[in-house]
N, C-alpha and C. Protein backbone atom coordinates (compact mmCIF):
# COMPACT_ATOMS: atom_id res chain seq x y z
N MET A 1 -20.55 -31.61 30.94
CA MET A 1 -20.09 -33.35 31.42
C MET A 1 -18.77 -33.07 31.45
N PRO A 2 -18.39 -33.50 32.89
CA PRO A 2 -16.09 -33.59 32.70
C PRO A 2 -15.73 -35.13 31.52
N SER A 3 -14.80 -34.52 30.88
CA SER A 3 -14.63 -35.92 30.14
C SER A 3 -12.94 -36.45 31.28
N PRO A 4 -12.77 -37.48 30.20
CA PRO A 4 -11.55 -38.22 31.37
C PRO A 4 -10.39 -37.60 31.37
N GLY A 5 -10.18 -36.04 30.37
CA GLY A 5 -9.09 -35.48 30.99
C GLY A 5 -9.46 -34.11 31.65
N GLY A 6 -10.47 -34.08 32.24
CA GLY A 6 -11.00 -32.99 33.04
C GLY A 6 -11.69 -31.98 32.24
N HIS A 7 -12.02 -32.22 31.05
CA HIS A 7 -12.48 -30.72 30.47
C HIS A 7 -13.61 -30.98 30.60
N ARG A 8 -14.41 -30.12 30.54
CA ARG A 8 -15.80 -29.98 30.33
C ARG A 8 -16.19 -29.84 28.76
N ILE A 9 -17.98 -30.26 28.20
CA ILE A 9 -18.00 -29.98 27.09
C ILE A 9 -19.24 -28.90 27.47
N VAL A 10 -19.64 -28.51 26.88
CA VAL A 10 -20.89 -27.40 27.08
C VAL A 10 -21.34 -26.85 25.66
N GLU A 11 -22.84 -27.40 26.12
CA GLU A 11 -23.33 -26.83 24.88
C GLU A 11 -23.69 -25.47 25.06
N VAL A 12 -23.38 -25.13 23.50
CA VAL A 12 -23.49 -23.54 23.48
C VAL A 12 -24.40 -23.43 21.91
N LYS A 13 -24.64 -21.71 22.13
CA LYS A 13 -25.87 -21.55 20.80
C LYS A 13 -25.05 -20.38 20.33
N VAL A 14 -25.53 -20.40 18.89
CA VAL A 14 -24.48 -19.14 18.42
C VAL A 14 -25.27 -18.11 18.38
N VAL A 15 -24.74 -16.76 18.65
CA VAL A 15 -25.33 -15.34 19.29
C VAL A 15 -25.00 -13.94 18.26
N ALA A 16 -24.02 -14.77 17.18
CA ALA A 16 -23.68 -13.68 16.51
C ALA A 16 -22.90 -14.41 15.17
N THR A 17 -22.88 -13.43 14.01
CA THR A 17 -22.06 -14.31 12.97
C THR A 17 -21.85 -13.43 12.10
N ASP A 18 -20.59 -13.09 11.17
CA ASP A 18 -20.32 -12.61 10.42
C ASP A 18 -19.26 -12.71 9.31
N ARG A 19 -20.33 -13.32 8.71
CA ARG A 19 -19.15 -14.00 7.27
C ARG A 19 -17.96 -13.43 6.60
N GLU A 20 -18.44 -12.24 6.50
CA GLU A 20 -17.18 -11.38 5.79
C GLU A 20 -15.82 -11.66 6.82
N SER A 21 -15.48 -11.13 8.08
CA SER A 21 -14.64 -11.84 8.79
C SER A 21 -14.76 -13.66 9.04
N ASP A 22 -15.49 -13.94 8.75
CA ASP A 22 -15.26 -15.36 9.72
C ASP A 22 -15.35 -16.12 10.60
N LEU A 23 -16.14 -14.92 11.28
CA LEU A 23 -16.05 -14.67 13.05
C LEU A 23 -17.48 -15.62 13.64
N ALA A 24 -17.91 -15.91 14.66
CA ALA A 24 -18.93 -16.11 15.56
C ALA A 24 -18.68 -16.08 16.73
N VAL A 25 -19.61 -15.98 17.53
CA VAL A 25 -19.79 -15.77 18.71
C VAL A 25 -20.63 -16.79 19.24
N VAL A 26 -20.29 -16.96 20.59
CA VAL A 26 -21.01 -18.56 21.36
C VAL A 26 -21.49 -17.98 22.66
N GLU A 27 -22.53 -18.45 23.07
CA GLU A 27 -22.38 -18.65 24.50
C GLU A 27 -23.10 -20.31 25.05
N PRO A 28 -22.97 -20.26 25.97
CA PRO A 28 -23.87 -21.79 26.62
C PRO A 28 -25.34 -21.71 27.17
N VAL A 29 -25.38 -22.75 26.39
CA VAL A 29 -27.25 -22.48 26.39
C VAL A 29 -27.77 -22.60 27.95
N ASN A 30 -26.93 -23.49 28.72
CA ASN A 30 -27.35 -23.24 30.15
C ASN A 30 -25.92 -22.19 31.43
N PRO A 31 -26.73 -21.86 32.08
CA PRO A 31 -26.02 -20.97 33.07
C PRO A 31 -25.10 -22.69 33.66
N LEU A 32 -23.75 -21.89 33.86
CA LEU A 32 -22.80 -22.84 34.13
C LEU A 32 -22.63 -22.74 35.66
N ALA A 33 -21.95 -23.86 36.05
CA ALA A 33 -22.19 -23.83 37.40
C ALA A 33 -21.03 -23.45 38.12
N GLU A 34 -19.64 -23.21 37.44
CA GLU A 34 -18.93 -22.60 38.32
C GLU A 34 -18.46 -21.03 37.56
N PRO A 35 -18.33 -20.51 37.84
CA PRO A 35 -18.02 -18.75 37.05
C PRO A 35 -16.25 -19.34 35.86
N VAL A 36 -16.77 -18.78 35.17
CA VAL A 36 -15.27 -18.69 33.73
C VAL A 36 -14.89 -17.31 33.93
N ARG A 37 -13.39 -17.49 33.70
CA ARG A 37 -12.43 -16.64 33.65
C ARG A 37 -12.11 -16.43 32.21
N PHE A 38 -12.54 -15.38 31.20
CA PHE A 38 -12.63 -15.25 29.81
C PHE A 38 -11.46 -14.23 29.43
N LEU A 39 -10.43 -14.83 28.69
CA LEU A 39 -9.77 -14.10 28.14
C LEU A 39 -9.33 -12.82 27.41
N GLN A 40 -8.69 -11.83 27.88
CA GLN A 40 -8.96 -10.41 27.48
C GLN A 40 -8.45 -10.43 26.10
N LEU A 41 -9.25 -9.19 25.64
CA LEU A 41 -8.74 -8.92 24.33
C LEU A 41 -8.08 -7.59 24.03
N ASN A 42 -7.39 -7.89 22.93
CA ASN A 42 -6.43 -6.52 22.42
C ASN A 42 -7.12 -5.61 21.31
N ASN A 43 -7.91 -4.76 21.41
CA ASN A 43 -8.63 -4.61 20.08
C ASN A 43 -7.21 -3.89 19.29
N ARG A 44 -6.35 -3.61 19.36
CA ARG A 44 -4.93 -3.09 18.34
C ARG A 44 -4.79 -3.92 17.59
N MET A 45 -4.52 -3.59 16.25
CA MET A 45 -3.62 -4.12 15.32
C MET A 45 -2.46 -4.47 15.64
N PRO A 46 -1.91 -5.60 15.67
CA PRO A 46 -0.05 -6.02 16.55
C PRO A 46 0.66 -5.87 14.97
N ALA A 47 1.55 -5.32 15.94
CA ALA A 47 3.05 -5.46 14.67
C ALA A 47 3.23 -6.12 14.15
N GLU A 48 3.43 -6.04 13.19
CA GLU A 48 4.90 -7.49 12.31
C GLU A 48 5.89 -7.70 13.22
N GLY A 49 6.09 -8.82 13.77
CA GLY A 49 7.22 -9.57 14.56
C GLY A 49 6.69 -9.22 15.50
N THR A 50 5.56 -9.42 16.04
CA THR A 50 4.69 -9.80 17.54
C THR A 50 4.76 -10.97 18.01
N GLU A 51 5.31 -11.45 19.28
CA GLU A 51 5.38 -13.02 19.35
C GLU A 51 4.15 -13.36 19.80
N ILE A 52 3.44 -14.51 19.08
CA ILE A 52 2.56 -15.05 19.31
C ILE A 52 1.87 -16.74 19.51
N VAL A 53 1.16 -16.97 20.19
CA VAL A 53 1.20 -18.93 20.49
C VAL A 53 -0.40 -18.70 20.55
N LEU A 54 -0.70 -19.86 19.51
CA LEU A 54 -2.27 -20.26 19.32
C LEU A 54 -2.56 -21.27 19.69
N ILE A 55 -3.62 -21.52 20.82
CA ILE A 55 -3.56 -22.73 21.36
C ILE A 55 -5.45 -23.15 21.34
N GLY A 56 -5.36 -24.68 20.82
CA GLY A 56 -6.25 -25.19 20.14
C GLY A 56 -6.56 -26.94 19.96
N TYR A 57 -7.30 -27.04 19.26
CA TYR A 57 -7.43 -28.65 19.68
C TYR A 57 -7.46 -28.84 18.04
N PRO A 58 -5.80 -29.66 17.52
CA PRO A 58 -6.21 -29.20 16.11
C PRO A 58 -6.42 -30.95 16.00
N ILE A 59 -6.69 -31.16 14.52
CA ILE A 59 -7.38 -32.12 13.89
C ILE A 59 -9.12 -32.45 14.51
N GLY A 60 -9.60 -31.28 15.67
CA GLY A 60 -10.60 -31.64 16.33
C GLY A 60 -10.77 -32.75 17.57
N SER A 61 -11.43 -33.46 17.52
CA SER A 61 -11.56 -34.53 18.54
C SER A 61 -10.77 -35.82 18.22
N ALA A 62 -10.31 -35.58 16.83
CA ALA A 62 -9.49 -37.06 16.28
C ALA A 62 -8.23 -37.56 17.61
N LEU A 63 -7.59 -35.90 17.50
CA LEU A 63 -6.89 -36.34 18.47
C LEU A 63 -6.62 -36.71 20.16
N GLY A 64 -8.03 -36.14 20.24
CA GLY A 64 -8.68 -36.37 22.01
C GLY A 64 -8.64 -35.00 21.99
N LEU A 65 -9.01 -34.60 23.35
CA LEU A 65 -9.73 -33.22 23.66
C LEU A 65 -8.12 -32.50 24.59
N HIS A 66 -6.74 -32.72 23.84
CA HIS A 66 -5.96 -32.10 24.55
C HIS A 66 -5.69 -31.10 23.64
N ALA A 67 -5.11 -30.05 24.51
CA ALA A 67 -5.10 -28.27 23.51
C ALA A 67 -3.38 -28.60 23.63
N ALA A 68 -3.38 -28.09 22.16
CA ALA A 68 -1.75 -27.73 21.69
C ALA A 68 -1.25 -26.64 21.51
N SER A 69 -0.19 -26.22 22.22
CA SER A 69 0.41 -24.82 21.85
C SER A 69 1.44 -24.62 20.96
N HIS A 70 1.07 -23.61 19.62
CA HIS A 70 2.25 -23.41 18.79
C HIS A 70 2.52 -21.97 18.48
N ARG A 71 4.20 -22.05 18.97
CA ARG A 71 4.27 -20.64 18.82
C ARG A 71 4.74 -19.93 17.57
N GLY A 72 4.99 -18.47 17.49
CA GLY A 72 5.32 -18.31 16.34
C GLY A 72 5.63 -16.77 16.14
N ILE A 73 5.13 -15.87 15.03
CA ILE A 73 5.29 -14.31 15.23
C ILE A 73 4.15 -14.02 14.28
N VAL A 74 4.09 -12.34 14.10
CA VAL A 74 2.75 -12.05 13.15
C VAL A 74 4.14 -11.82 12.00
N ALA A 75 4.02 -12.55 11.03
CA ALA A 75 4.80 -12.21 9.85
C ALA A 75 4.02 -11.21 9.30
N ALA A 76 3.27 -11.19 8.70
CA ALA A 76 2.47 -9.88 8.01
C ALA A 76 1.24 -9.45 8.17
N LEU A 77 0.66 -8.43 7.39
CA LEU A 77 -0.34 -7.89 7.42
C LEU A 77 -0.77 -7.95 6.37
N VAL A 78 -2.35 -8.60 6.25
CA VAL A 78 -2.65 -8.79 5.14
C VAL A 78 -3.90 -8.76 4.34
N PRO A 79 -4.19 -8.32 3.04
CA PRO A 79 -5.66 -8.51 2.79
C PRO A 79 -6.39 -9.77 2.97
N MET A 80 -7.53 -9.97 3.37
CA MET A 80 -8.14 -11.65 3.50
C MET A 80 -8.79 -11.69 1.85
N ALA A 81 -7.96 -12.87 1.60
CA ALA A 81 -7.94 -13.48 0.03
C ALA A 81 -7.84 -14.83 0.24
N ILE A 82 -8.76 -15.75 -0.14
CA ILE A 82 -8.44 -17.08 -0.21
C ILE A 82 -7.87 -17.34 -1.64
N PRO A 83 -6.10 -17.43 -1.69
CA PRO A 83 -5.37 -17.71 -2.97
C PRO A 83 -5.98 -18.90 -3.59
N LEU A 84 -6.30 -18.62 -4.88
CA LEU A 84 -7.08 -19.39 -6.03
C LEU A 84 -5.29 -20.22 -6.26
N PRO A 85 -6.36 -22.07 -6.84
CA PRO A 85 -5.03 -22.32 -7.40
C PRO A 85 -4.19 -22.06 -8.66
N THR A 86 -5.33 -21.53 -9.44
CA THR A 86 -4.61 -20.95 -10.82
C THR A 86 -5.56 -19.67 -11.00
N THR A 87 -5.41 -19.12 -12.34
CA THR A 87 -6.10 -17.75 -12.19
C THR A 87 -7.45 -17.98 -13.24
N ALA A 88 -7.29 -19.55 -13.52
CA ALA A 88 -9.10 -19.95 -13.95
C ALA A 88 -9.68 -19.55 -13.63
N GLY A 89 -10.11 -19.03 -12.16
CA GLY A 89 -11.67 -19.31 -11.11
C GLY A 89 -11.28 -17.50 -10.31
N LEU A 90 -10.04 -16.75 -11.38
CA LEU A 90 -10.15 -15.54 -11.18
C LEU A 90 -11.13 -14.52 -11.78
N GLU A 91 -12.05 -14.14 -11.34
CA GLU A 91 -13.44 -12.87 -11.23
C GLU A 91 -13.18 -11.65 -10.99
N ALA A 92 -13.83 -10.80 -11.68
CA ALA A 92 -13.65 -9.63 -11.85
C ALA A 92 -13.84 -8.78 -10.23
N ARG A 93 -15.10 -9.68 -10.09
CA ARG A 93 -16.01 -9.16 -8.25
C ARG A 93 -14.74 -9.56 -7.31
N ASN A 94 -13.53 -10.86 -7.88
CA ASN A 94 -12.80 -11.17 -6.42
C ASN A 94 -12.11 -9.94 -6.50
N VAL A 95 -11.59 -9.61 -7.52
CA VAL A 95 -10.24 -8.36 -7.88
C VAL A 95 -11.09 -6.92 -7.04
N GLN A 96 -11.91 -6.44 -7.58
CA GLN A 96 -12.79 -5.56 -6.71
C GLN A 96 -13.01 -5.47 -5.40
N ALA A 97 -13.30 -6.55 -4.82
CA ALA A 97 -13.41 -7.15 -3.34
C ALA A 97 -11.82 -6.42 -2.75
N LEU A 98 -10.78 -7.14 -3.75
CA LEU A 98 -9.65 -6.55 -3.01
C LEU A 98 -9.36 -5.25 -2.86
N ARG A 99 -9.70 -4.77 -4.09
CA ARG A 99 -9.15 -3.05 -4.00
C ARG A 99 -10.10 -2.34 -3.09
N SER A 100 -11.64 -2.56 -2.64
CA SER A 100 -11.92 -2.03 -2.07
C SER A 100 -11.74 -2.37 -0.38
N ALA A 101 -10.73 -1.08 0.23
CA ALA A 101 -10.89 -1.54 1.75
C ALA A 101 -11.04 -3.04 2.46
N PRO A 102 -10.44 -4.00 1.84
CA PRO A 102 -10.58 -5.43 1.65
C PRO A 102 -10.23 -5.05 3.54
N LEU A 103 -10.65 -6.50 4.10
CA LEU A 103 -10.36 -6.60 5.70
C LEU A 103 -8.94 -7.38 6.19
N GLU A 104 -8.63 -6.85 7.10
CA GLU A 104 -7.10 -6.95 7.02
C GLU A 104 -6.81 -8.15 7.71
N ILE A 105 -5.98 -9.00 7.91
CA ILE A 105 -6.07 -10.46 8.71
C ILE A 105 -4.39 -10.29 9.07
N LEU A 106 -4.07 -11.24 10.00
CA LEU A 106 -2.80 -11.31 10.01
C LEU A 106 -2.34 -12.69 9.56
N GLN A 107 -1.05 -12.54 8.94
CA GLN A 107 -0.63 -13.95 8.65
C GLN A 107 0.55 -14.58 9.23
N LEU A 108 0.48 -15.47 9.96
CA LEU A 108 1.37 -16.14 11.40
C LEU A 108 2.49 -17.14 10.58
N ASP A 109 3.55 -17.15 11.06
CA ASP A 109 4.43 -18.36 10.56
C ASP A 109 4.20 -19.32 11.80
N ALA A 110 2.96 -19.33 12.58
CA ALA A 110 3.20 -20.70 13.41
C ALA A 110 1.80 -21.86 12.92
N THR A 111 2.13 -22.92 12.94
CA THR A 111 1.78 -24.27 12.50
C THR A 111 0.50 -24.09 12.88
N ALA A 112 -0.84 -24.15 12.49
CA ALA A 112 -2.23 -24.43 12.81
C ALA A 112 -2.64 -25.49 11.67
N TYR A 113 -3.34 -26.28 12.48
CA TYR A 113 -3.56 -27.54 11.42
C TYR A 113 -5.32 -27.43 11.33
N PRO A 114 -6.26 -27.94 10.33
CA PRO A 114 -7.45 -28.14 10.28
C PRO A 114 -8.01 -28.36 11.52
N GLY A 115 -8.61 -27.99 12.13
CA GLY A 115 -9.26 -28.34 13.57
C GLY A 115 -8.89 -27.03 14.46
N ASN A 116 -7.88 -26.28 14.36
CA ASN A 116 -7.47 -25.11 14.56
C ASN A 116 -8.41 -23.85 14.59
N SER A 117 -9.11 -23.83 14.05
CA SER A 117 -9.61 -22.97 13.52
C SER A 117 -10.73 -22.02 14.61
N GLY A 118 -10.67 -21.21 15.11
CA GLY A 118 -11.47 -20.65 16.30
C GLY A 118 -10.61 -20.25 17.18
N SER A 119 -9.06 -20.77 17.05
CA SER A 119 -8.42 -20.62 18.18
C SER A 119 -7.99 -19.39 18.70
N PRO A 120 -7.80 -19.21 19.92
CA PRO A 120 -7.16 -17.85 20.21
C PRO A 120 -5.58 -17.51 19.72
N VAL A 121 -5.34 -16.29 19.61
CA VAL A 121 -4.00 -15.82 19.40
C VAL A 121 -3.60 -14.84 20.06
N ILE A 122 -2.92 -15.31 21.29
CA ILE A 122 -2.34 -14.35 22.09
C ILE A 122 -1.23 -13.82 22.34
N ASP A 123 -0.88 -12.64 22.34
CA ASP A 123 0.54 -12.00 22.36
C ASP A 123 1.48 -12.28 23.80
N THR A 124 2.51 -13.59 23.65
CA THR A 124 2.94 -14.00 24.73
C THR A 124 3.31 -12.50 25.84
N GLN A 125 4.15 -11.22 25.17
CA GLN A 125 4.35 -10.37 26.17
C GLN A 125 3.04 -10.07 27.40
N THR A 126 1.84 -10.11 26.74
CA THR A 126 0.63 -9.50 27.39
C THR A 126 -0.48 -10.21 27.98
N GLY A 127 -0.30 -11.29 27.49
CA GLY A 127 -1.34 -12.42 27.80
C GLY A 127 -2.51 -12.09 26.69
N LEU A 128 -2.74 -11.28 25.91
CA LEU A 128 -4.35 -10.64 25.77
C LEU A 128 -4.11 -11.26 24.27
N VAL A 129 -5.47 -11.86 24.18
CA VAL A 129 -5.80 -12.14 22.66
C VAL A 129 -5.84 -11.23 21.28
N LEU A 130 -5.22 -11.41 20.40
CA LEU A 130 -4.97 -10.59 19.38
C LEU A 130 -5.73 -10.79 18.09
N ALA A 131 -6.21 -12.09 18.07
CA ALA A 131 -6.80 -12.46 16.70
C ALA A 131 -7.58 -13.91 16.96
N VAL A 132 -8.09 -14.10 15.99
CA VAL A 132 -8.64 -15.70 16.24
C VAL A 132 -8.17 -16.69 14.58
N VAL A 133 -7.74 -17.71 15.02
CA VAL A 133 -6.85 -18.87 13.76
C VAL A 133 -8.59 -18.43 12.90
N SER A 134 -8.30 -18.26 11.38
CA SER A 134 -9.08 -18.54 10.33
C SER A 134 -9.06 -19.39 9.78
N MET A 135 -8.17 -19.49 9.36
CA MET A 135 -7.64 -20.57 8.17
C MET A 135 -5.93 -20.95 8.31
N THR A 136 -5.56 -21.99 7.60
CA THR A 136 -4.07 -22.15 7.29
C THR A 136 -3.92 -22.59 5.54
N MET A 137 -3.16 -22.54 5.42
CA MET A 137 -2.96 -22.72 3.98
C MET A 137 -1.95 -24.31 3.97
N ILE A 138 -2.74 -24.74 3.28
CA ILE A 138 -2.36 -26.17 2.81
C ILE A 138 -1.46 -26.36 1.54
N LYS A 139 -0.75 -27.61 1.66
CA LYS A 139 -0.20 -28.07 0.56
C LYS A 139 -0.73 -29.16 0.32
N GLY A 140 -1.21 -29.01 -1.05
CA GLY A 140 -2.16 -30.78 -1.09
C GLY A 140 -3.07 -30.61 -0.68
N THR A 141 -3.38 -31.80 0.01
CA THR A 141 -4.89 -32.36 0.33
C THR A 141 -4.76 -31.48 1.84
N ARG A 142 -6.44 -31.90 2.02
CA ARG A 142 -6.66 -31.43 3.37
C ARG A 142 -5.68 -32.46 4.80
N GLU A 143 -5.75 -33.62 4.12
CA GLU A 143 -5.26 -34.84 5.08
C GLU A 143 -4.05 -34.47 5.15
N SER A 144 -2.63 -34.27 4.06
CA SER A 144 -1.36 -33.97 4.10
C SER A 144 -1.28 -32.48 5.23
N ALA A 145 -1.96 -32.05 4.99
CA ALA A 145 -1.69 -30.90 6.18
C ALA A 145 -0.92 -31.34 7.41
N MET A 146 -1.33 -32.70 7.91
CA MET A 146 -0.67 -33.42 9.28
C MET A 146 1.07 -33.69 8.80
N THR A 147 0.98 -34.32 7.90
CA THR A 147 2.42 -34.63 7.58
C THR A 147 3.11 -33.63 6.86
N SER A 148 2.36 -32.47 6.15
CA SER A 148 3.61 -31.62 5.34
C SER A 148 3.01 -30.77 5.80
N PRO A 149 2.97 -29.87 6.68
CA PRO A 149 2.60 -28.39 7.05
C PRO A 149 2.87 -27.23 6.22
N SER A 150 2.44 -26.37 5.98
CA SER A 150 3.03 -25.14 5.13
C SER A 150 4.04 -24.38 6.16
N GLY A 151 2.84 -23.94 7.37
CA GLY A 151 3.34 -23.58 8.62
C GLY A 151 3.29 -21.99 8.25
N ILE A 152 2.11 -21.50 7.42
CA ILE A 152 1.68 -20.20 7.19
C ILE A 152 0.09 -20.64 7.76
N SER A 153 -0.37 -19.45 8.79
CA SER A 153 -1.55 -19.59 9.18
C SER A 153 -2.28 -18.19 8.92
N TYR A 154 -3.19 -18.07 8.82
CA TYR A 154 -4.06 -16.50 9.04
C TYR A 154 -4.94 -16.78 9.87
N ALA A 155 -4.82 -15.30 10.73
CA ALA A 155 -6.04 -15.17 12.13
C ALA A 155 -6.67 -13.66 11.78
N VAL A 156 -8.12 -13.58 12.21
CA VAL A 156 -8.83 -12.17 12.29
C VAL A 156 -8.80 -11.56 13.24
N PRO A 157 -8.27 -10.10 13.44
CA PRO A 157 -7.80 -9.38 14.32
C PRO A 157 -9.13 -9.68 15.42
N VAL A 158 -9.10 -9.50 16.19
CA VAL A 158 -9.77 -9.28 17.59
C VAL A 158 -11.03 -8.04 17.60
N GLN A 159 -10.75 -7.17 16.85
CA GLN A 159 -11.15 -5.90 16.86
C GLN A 159 -12.17 -5.89 15.85
N HIS A 160 -12.44 -7.07 15.04
CA HIS A 160 -13.66 -7.32 14.16
C HIS A 160 -14.61 -8.11 15.09
N LEU A 161 -14.42 -8.17 16.33
CA LEU A 161 -15.48 -9.05 17.21
C LEU A 161 -16.21 -7.72 17.95
N ALA A 162 -15.31 -6.85 18.09
CA ALA A 162 -16.53 -5.38 18.71
C ALA A 162 -18.01 -5.24 18.71
N GLY A 163 -18.15 -5.31 17.44
CA GLY A 163 -19.87 -4.96 17.46
C GLY A 163 -20.43 -6.28 17.58
N MET A 164 -19.62 -7.35 17.47
CA MET A 164 -20.70 -8.78 17.99
C MET A 164 -20.94 -9.60 18.89
N ILE A 165 -19.82 -9.18 20.09
CA ILE A 165 -20.37 -9.37 21.41
C ILE A 165 -21.33 -8.80 22.44
N PRO A 166 -22.40 -9.56 22.65
CA PRO A 166 -23.53 -8.79 23.33
C PRO A 166 -23.17 -7.87 24.31
N THR A 167 -23.49 -7.28 24.89
CA THR A 167 -23.19 -6.56 25.94
C THR A 167 -24.31 -6.88 27.03
N ARG A 168 -24.06 -7.39 28.65
CA ARG A 168 -25.15 -7.51 29.57
C ARG A 168 -25.31 -6.41 30.64
């Protein structure tokens, strides 16, 4: 169904999920009338300093269906671990998970906002998708992310999608 900005809203179904990597693969419920060009994936881990752009819909539909782009770099390759506000919640299983081959994700210096989750992270030199935005570090409450963004975001490399995408 076309929206006032010319966007189409397409009903999708989830065909694969991976809780560990925080990824899901979706596909349209009904065949699309027009062919769709898919973004190409780069399955290699990018180097620190790689220039990127992430494109998404910050704060979801609250700001309307207008894509926003944010530039930055891959600042670091880090183990996926959601930081705790204090050490009071630290448990032995959390420490063990970090020690045993943790999932490596990208720390970006691009500002992502709640609602950008699932956005592609694109290499500005090649146009290939490197990762999928997973989370953003927020200072204070979720609502304060708009007025006081941390500028630190995290993305899961697309190599973790490899076994999830159905072959046709």
